[in-house]
Amino acid sequence: MSAFPASFVLSIYRASCIIELGHINLLFISDLIRSLLLRSELVALNLSEQQAAFQFKGGALTVTTLELFTADVLMIADELNQQTRRAPAFFSQTPVVLAFDKLDQDESVALDLIVATCKQAGLVPIAVRCAQDTIKQSARALGLGWFPPQSERRLREISEKVEQQVIAARKPPRIVRNTVRSGQQLYAKDTDLVVLGSVNEGAEVIADGNVHVWGALRGRSIAGAQGDQSTRIFCQQFKAELVSIGGIFQTFESYDWPEAVERPIEIYLDDERLIIGS
């Protein structure tokens, strides 16, 4: 009996009682059972044909992490305003994870104000990464997700694994023989990008590998777009709006440019800090 719906079992039981009382004939009972069996088959058919409303799937997405070195909201707001003013399109509606790993365990954090500051700058906080219970509780109240802090060893393991995967998938370089003009975006997937001309203001060149610009770099350049922090950016003149390597980026204005802007420049990471050398 367990193979039938509860309503079906109940209906058969009631019909059996009626037989014993002699209020209905066997022909009616036979028709009733046949009708109930047909209804059960139709219900099972409808359930089998019904499409699922959703499906959970695991996947790897590249998400920007805003690693905070202070809980001072005014200082964070001031620096965010400077960064977003230099490259507003890069930050507009960008999902970010707020990381508090670098803060002291007992440091007071006004998470609601930090989240509001990020939103005002165009960022979209989606989660926090921390060990502090107070921040975790505040994140839950604000509807944000939570990631546990990762040890330095684990971060190195992940970085090395990503680097190996990217290098293994590396293809011949993509070569662009013209100047990249304002508003253009070029992406070299699984390889290096070589631009034989310049990259103008408002243009963006992206590569999973290294970026080589044989002219002036005046726009935005992103190397190691899939997280490879061993990649580098090379250019003949450096007047960039923004550079990024392996997810670590920095914006620039004219007074931020190095003194040797007219000489060949190499940009790389050293202990997760961008180094601009000639």
Protein backbone atom coordinates (compact mmCIF):
# COMPACT_ATOMS: atom_id res chain seq x y z
CA MET A 1 0.00 0.00 0.00
CA SER A 2 2.90 2.37 0.51
CA ALA A 3 3.28 2.65 -3.28
CA PHE A 4 0.03 4.65 -3.59
CA PRO A 5 -0.76 8.20 -2.46
CA ALA A 6 -2.37 8.48 0.97
CA SER A 7 -5.62 9.74 -0.57
CA PHE A 8 -5.80 6.61 -2.71
CA VAL A 9 -5.39 4.24 0.26
CA LEU A 10 -8.01 6.14 2.21
CA SER A 11 -10.50 5.92 -0.69
CA ILE A 12 -10.12 2.10 -0.99
CA TYR A 13 -10.59 1.67 2.76
CA ARG A 14 -13.81 3.70 2.71
CA ALA A 15 -15.17 1.69 -0.25
CA SER A 16 -14.47 -1.60 1.60
CA CYS A 17 -16.48 -0.38 4.55
CA ILE A 18 -19.40 0.39 2.21
CA ILE A 19 -19.30 -3.19 0.85
CA GLU A 20 -19.56 -4.65 4.33
CA LEU A 21 -22.54 -2.44 5.10
CA GLY A 22 -24.26 -3.55 1.90
CA HIS A 23 -25.01 0.03 0.69
CA ILE A 24 -23.36 -0.28 -2.72
CA ASN A 25 -22.84 -3.03 -5.30
CA LEU A 26 -19.57 -4.62 -6.37
CA LEU A 27 -19.79 -3.16 -9.88
CA PHE A 28 -19.63 0.37 -8.46
CA ILE A 29 -16.63 -0.60 -6.33
CA SER A 30 -14.83 -1.99 -9.39
CA ASP A 31 -15.43 1.24 -11.32
CA LEU A 32 -14.27 3.29 -8.32
CA ILE A 33 -11.00 1.37 -8.02
CA ARG A 34 -10.35 1.67 -11.76
CA SER A 35 -10.96 5.44 -11.60
CA LEU A 36 -8.63 5.85 -8.66
CA LEU A 37 -5.88 3.84 -10.33
CA LEU A 38 -6.19 5.99 -13.46
CA ARG A 39 -5.99 9.16 -11.37
CA SER A 40 -2.86 7.86 -9.65
CA GLU A 41 -1.21 7.14 -13.01
CA LEU A 42 -2.03 10.65 -14.27
CA VAL A 43 -0.57 12.26 -11.15
CA ALA A 44 2.64 10.22 -11.53
CA LEU A 45 2.85 11.21 -15.21
CA ASN A 46 2.45 14.91 -14.43
CA LEU A 47 5.15 14.74 -11.76
CA SER A 48 7.59 13.04 -14.13
CA GLU A 49 6.98 15.65 -16.87
CA GLN A 50 7.24 18.67 -14.59
CA GLN A 51 10.43 20.69 -15.18
CA ALA A 52 12.66 21.67 -12.27
CA ALA A 53 12.45 25.31 -11.19
CA PHE A 54 16.21 25.60 -10.45
CA GLN A 55 19.46 23.69 -10.08
CA PHE A 56 22.41 24.18 -7.74
CA LYS A 57 25.74 24.10 -9.54
CA GLY A 58 29.26 24.60 -8.27
CA GLY A 59 31.61 26.86 -10.19
CA ALA A 60 34.71 29.03 -9.93
CA LEU A 61 34.25 32.77 -10.41
CA THR A 62 36.83 35.52 -10.21
CA VAL A 63 35.65 38.03 -7.59
CA THR A 64 37.40 41.20 -6.49
CA THR A 65 38.51 41.23 -2.85
CA LEU A 66 38.75 44.51 -0.97
CA GLU A 67 41.38 43.76 1.65
CA LEU A 68 41.08 46.29 4.45
CA PHE A 69 44.05 47.43 6.52
CA THR A 70 41.98 49.77 8.68
CA ALA A 71 38.42 50.05 9.98
CA ASP A 72 38.49 53.86 9.71
CA VAL A 73 35.45 54.57 7.53
CA LEU A 74 36.55 58.09 6.59
CA MET A 75 39.96 56.86 5.44
CA ILE A 76 38.36 54.05 3.43
CA ALA A 77 35.86 56.46 1.85
CA ASP A 78 38.59 58.94 0.89
CA GLU A 79 40.77 56.31 -0.75
CA LEU A 80 37.83 54.66 -2.54
CA ASN A 81 36.79 58.02 -3.96
CA GLN A 82 40.29 58.56 -5.31
CA GLN A 83 40.44 55.10 -6.88
CA THR A 84 36.99 55.21 -8.45
CA ARG A 85 37.46 58.76 -9.75
CA ARG A 86 40.49 57.62 -11.76
CA ALA A 87 38.77 54.60 -13.33
CA PRO A 88 34.99 54.80 -12.71
CA ALA A 89 34.03 52.20 -15.34
CA PHE A 90 36.33 49.60 -13.80
CA PHE A 91 34.60 49.82 -10.41
CA SER A 92 30.99 50.35 -11.49
CA GLN A 93 28.72 47.57 -10.13
CA THR A 94 31.74 45.41 -9.27
CA PRO A 95 30.95 42.62 -6.76
CA VAL A 96 33.47 42.59 -3.91
CA VAL A 97 34.31 40.47 -0.89
CA LEU A 98 35.31 42.57 2.12
CA ALA A 99 38.33 40.93 3.76
CA PHE A 100 39.19 41.77 7.38
CA ASP A 101 42.03 39.27 7.79
CA LYS A 102 44.62 42.02 8.33
CA LEU A 103 42.75 43.70 11.19
CA ASP A 104 43.35 42.99 14.88
CA GLN A 105 40.87 40.56 16.38
CA ASP A 106 39.61 43.12 18.90
CA GLU A 107 39.38 46.06 16.47
CA SER A 108 35.92 47.61 16.30
CA VAL A 109 34.35 47.48 12.83
CA ALA A 110 31.26 49.41 11.69
CA LEU A 111 30.40 47.02 8.88
CA ASP A 112 27.16 48.79 7.95
CA LEU A 113 29.03 52.05 7.34
CA ILE A 114 31.78 50.32 5.35
CA VAL A 115 29.17 48.58 3.18
CA ALA A 116 27.36 51.88 2.60
CA THR A 117 30.67 53.54 1.67
CA CYS A 118 31.42 50.80 -0.86
CA LYS A 119 27.97 51.10 -2.44
CA GLN A 120 28.36 54.86 -2.72
CA ALA A 121 31.61 54.27 -4.64
CA GLY A 122 29.84 51.91 -7.06
CA LEU A 123 30.98 48.62 -5.53
CA VAL A 124 28.55 45.83 -4.58
CA PRO A 125 29.59 44.00 -1.37
CA ILE A 126 28.43 40.37 -1.51
CA ALA A 127 30.28 38.75 1.41
CA VAL A 128 32.91 39.19 4.12
CA ARG A 129 36.02 37.18 4.92
CA CYS A 130 36.96 37.25 8.57
CA ALA A 131 37.46 35.31 11.79
CA GLN A 132 35.75 37.83 14.09
CA ASP A 133 32.33 36.71 15.30
CA THR A 134 31.07 40.29 15.61
CA ILE A 135 31.75 41.00 11.92
CA LYS A 136 30.23 37.66 10.97
CA GLN A 137 27.02 38.48 12.88
CA SER A 138 26.85 41.96 11.34
CA ALA A 139 27.27 40.44 7.88
CA ARG A 140 24.37 38.05 8.51
CA ALA A 141 22.17 40.95 9.61
CA LEU A 142 23.06 42.85 6.41
CA GLY A 143 22.31 39.85 4.21
CA LEU A 144 25.96 39.25 3.26
CA GLY A 145 27.70 35.90 2.88
CA TRP A 146 30.71 34.77 4.92
CA PHE A 147 34.03 33.16 4.02
CA PRO A 148 36.48 31.87 6.63
CA PRO A 149 39.95 33.42 6.64
CA GLN A 150 42.59 31.53 4.71
CA SER A 151 46.06 30.81 6.05
CA GLU A 152 49.11 32.13 4.21
CA ARG A 153 50.08 28.57 3.38
CA ARG A 154 46.70 27.83 1.85
CA LEU A 155 46.79 31.05 -0.16
CA ARG A 156 50.21 30.13 -1.54
CA GLU A 157 48.97 26.65 -2.47
CA ILE A 158 45.97 28.11 -4.32
CA SER A 159 48.15 30.69 -6.08
CA GLU A 160 50.65 28.03 -7.19
CA LYS A 161 47.86 25.73 -8.41
CA VAL A 162 46.24 28.52 -10.42
CA GLU A 163 49.62 29.49 -11.86
CA GLN A 164 50.35 25.91 -12.95
CA GLN A 165 46.92 25.52 -14.54
CA VAL A 166 47.21 28.79 -16.43
CA ILE A 167 50.72 28.06 -17.67
CA ALA A 168 49.66 24.56 -18.79
CA ALA A 169 46.83 26.05 -20.85
CA ARG A 170 48.93 28.87 -22.33
CA LYS A 171 48.58 29.37 -26.10
CA PRO A 172 50.68 31.31 -28.62
CA PRO A 173 50.48 35.08 -27.95
CA ARG A 174 47.79 37.28 -29.44
CA ILE A 175 49.43 40.05 -31.47
CA VAL A 176 47.66 43.35 -32.18
CA ARG A 177 49.41 45.51 -34.77
CA ASN A 178 47.41 48.71 -34.28
CA THR A 179 46.94 51.25 -31.55
CA VAL A 180 44.14 50.34 -29.13
CA ARG A 181 41.79 53.30 -29.16
CA SER A 182 39.62 54.79 -26.41
CA GLY A 183 36.59 52.61 -25.64
CA GLN A 184 38.15 49.45 -27.07
CA GLN A 185 38.75 46.35 -24.93
CA LEU A 186 41.04 43.51 -26.00
CA TYR A 187 41.32 40.17 -24.20
CA ALA A 188 43.91 37.45 -24.78
CA LYS A 189 42.48 34.26 -23.27
CA ASP A 190 45.01 31.71 -21.98
CA THR A 191 47.90 33.59 -23.54
CA ASP A 192 50.02 36.76 -23.67
CA LEU A 193 48.87 39.95 -25.38
CA VAL A 194 51.32 41.91 -27.53
CA VAL A 195 50.29 45.38 -28.73
CA LEU A 196 52.68 46.75 -31.35
CA GLY A 197 51.19 50.23 -30.99
CA SER A 198 50.01 52.24 -27.99
CA VAL A 199 47.04 51.87 -25.63
CA ASN A 200 45.13 55.16 -25.52
CA GLU A 201 43.26 56.67 -22.58
CA GLY A 202 39.96 54.90 -22.01
CA ALA A 203 41.16 51.68 -23.69
CA GLU A 204 41.64 48.39 -21.86
CA VAL A 205 43.98 45.48 -22.63
CA ILE A 206 43.54 42.22 -20.71
CA ALA A 207 45.48 38.95 -20.82
CA ASP A 208 45.58 35.73 -18.83
CA GLY A 209 49.33 35.89 -19.43
CA ASN A 210 51.69 38.86 -19.78
CA VAL A 211 50.89 42.17 -21.48
CA HIS A 212 53.45 43.76 -23.81
CA VAL A 213 52.83 47.28 -25.12
CA TRP A 214 55.48 48.43 -27.59
CA GLY A 215 54.21 52.00 -27.45
CA ALA A 216 52.75 54.14 -24.66
CA LEU A 217 50.43 52.65 -22.07
CA ARG A 218 47.88 55.37 -21.32
CA GLY A 219 44.76 53.28 -20.64
CA ARG A 220 44.18 50.24 -18.44
CA SER A 221 46.26 47.07 -18.51
CA ILE A 222 45.38 43.81 -16.74
CA ALA A 223 47.75 40.83 -16.73
CA GLY A 224 47.11 37.47 -15.08
CA ALA A 225 43.36 37.94 -15.41
CA GLN A 226 42.73 34.37 -14.17
CA GLY A 227 44.83 34.90 -11.03
CA ASP A 228 48.40 34.16 -12.22
CA GLN A 229 50.53 36.47 -10.07
CA SER A 230 53.75 35.59 -11.89
CA THR A 231 52.68 37.55 -14.98
CA ARG A 232 54.09 40.97 -15.90
CA ILE A 233 53.27 44.12 -17.83
CA PHE A 234 55.83 45.72 -20.16
CA CYS A 235 55.57 49.05 -21.96
CA GLN A 236 57.80 51.67 -23.60
CA GLN A 237 56.09 54.62 -21.90
CA PHE A 238 54.03 54.48 -18.73
CA LYS A 239 51.11 56.88 -18.35
CA ALA A 240 48.50 54.34 -17.31
CA GLU A 241 45.10 54.91 -15.71
CA LEU A 242 45.14 51.48 -14.05
CA VAL A 243 47.31 48.38 -13.95
CA SER A 244 46.48 44.99 -12.44
CA ILE A 245 48.41 41.74 -12.03
CA GLY A 246 46.78 38.60 -10.70
CA GLY A 247 43.86 40.59 -9.29
CA ILE A 248 45.98 43.18 -7.45
CA PHE A 249 45.51 46.57 -9.06
CA GLN A 250 46.39 50.21 -8.65
CA THR A 251 45.01 53.35 -10.28
CA PHE A 252 47.12 56.35 -11.26
CA GLU A 253 46.90 60.03 -11.98
CA SER A 254 49.63 62.07 -13.63
CA TYR A 255 51.36 62.88 -10.33
CA ASP A 256 51.47 59.16 -9.48
CA TRP A 257 53.46 58.17 -12.56
CA PRO A 258 57.08 57.18 -11.96
CA GLU A 259 59.79 59.63 -12.94
CA ALA A 260 61.00 57.35 -15.72
CA VAL A 261 57.74 57.50 -17.69
CA GLU A 262 59.55 57.94 -21.00
CA ARG A 263 61.69 54.82 -20.51
CA PRO A 264 60.73 51.12 -20.85
CA ILE A 265 58.82 49.98 -17.78
CA GLU A 266 58.28 46.56 -16.22
CA ILE A 267 55.46 46.00 -13.71
CA TYR A 268 55.36 42.91 -11.52
CA LEU A 269 54.34 41.67 -8.08
CA ASP A 270 56.64 41.29 -5.12
CA ASP A 271 54.98 39.93 -1.96
CA GLU A 272 51.57 40.97 -3.39
CA ARG A 273 52.73 44.56 -3.96
CA LEU A 274 52.90 46.13 -7.40
CA ILE A 275 56.44 47.14 -8.34
CA ILE A 276 57.03 49.56 -11.21
CA GLY A 277 60.62 49.37 -12.39
CA SER A 278 62.58 50.60 -15.39
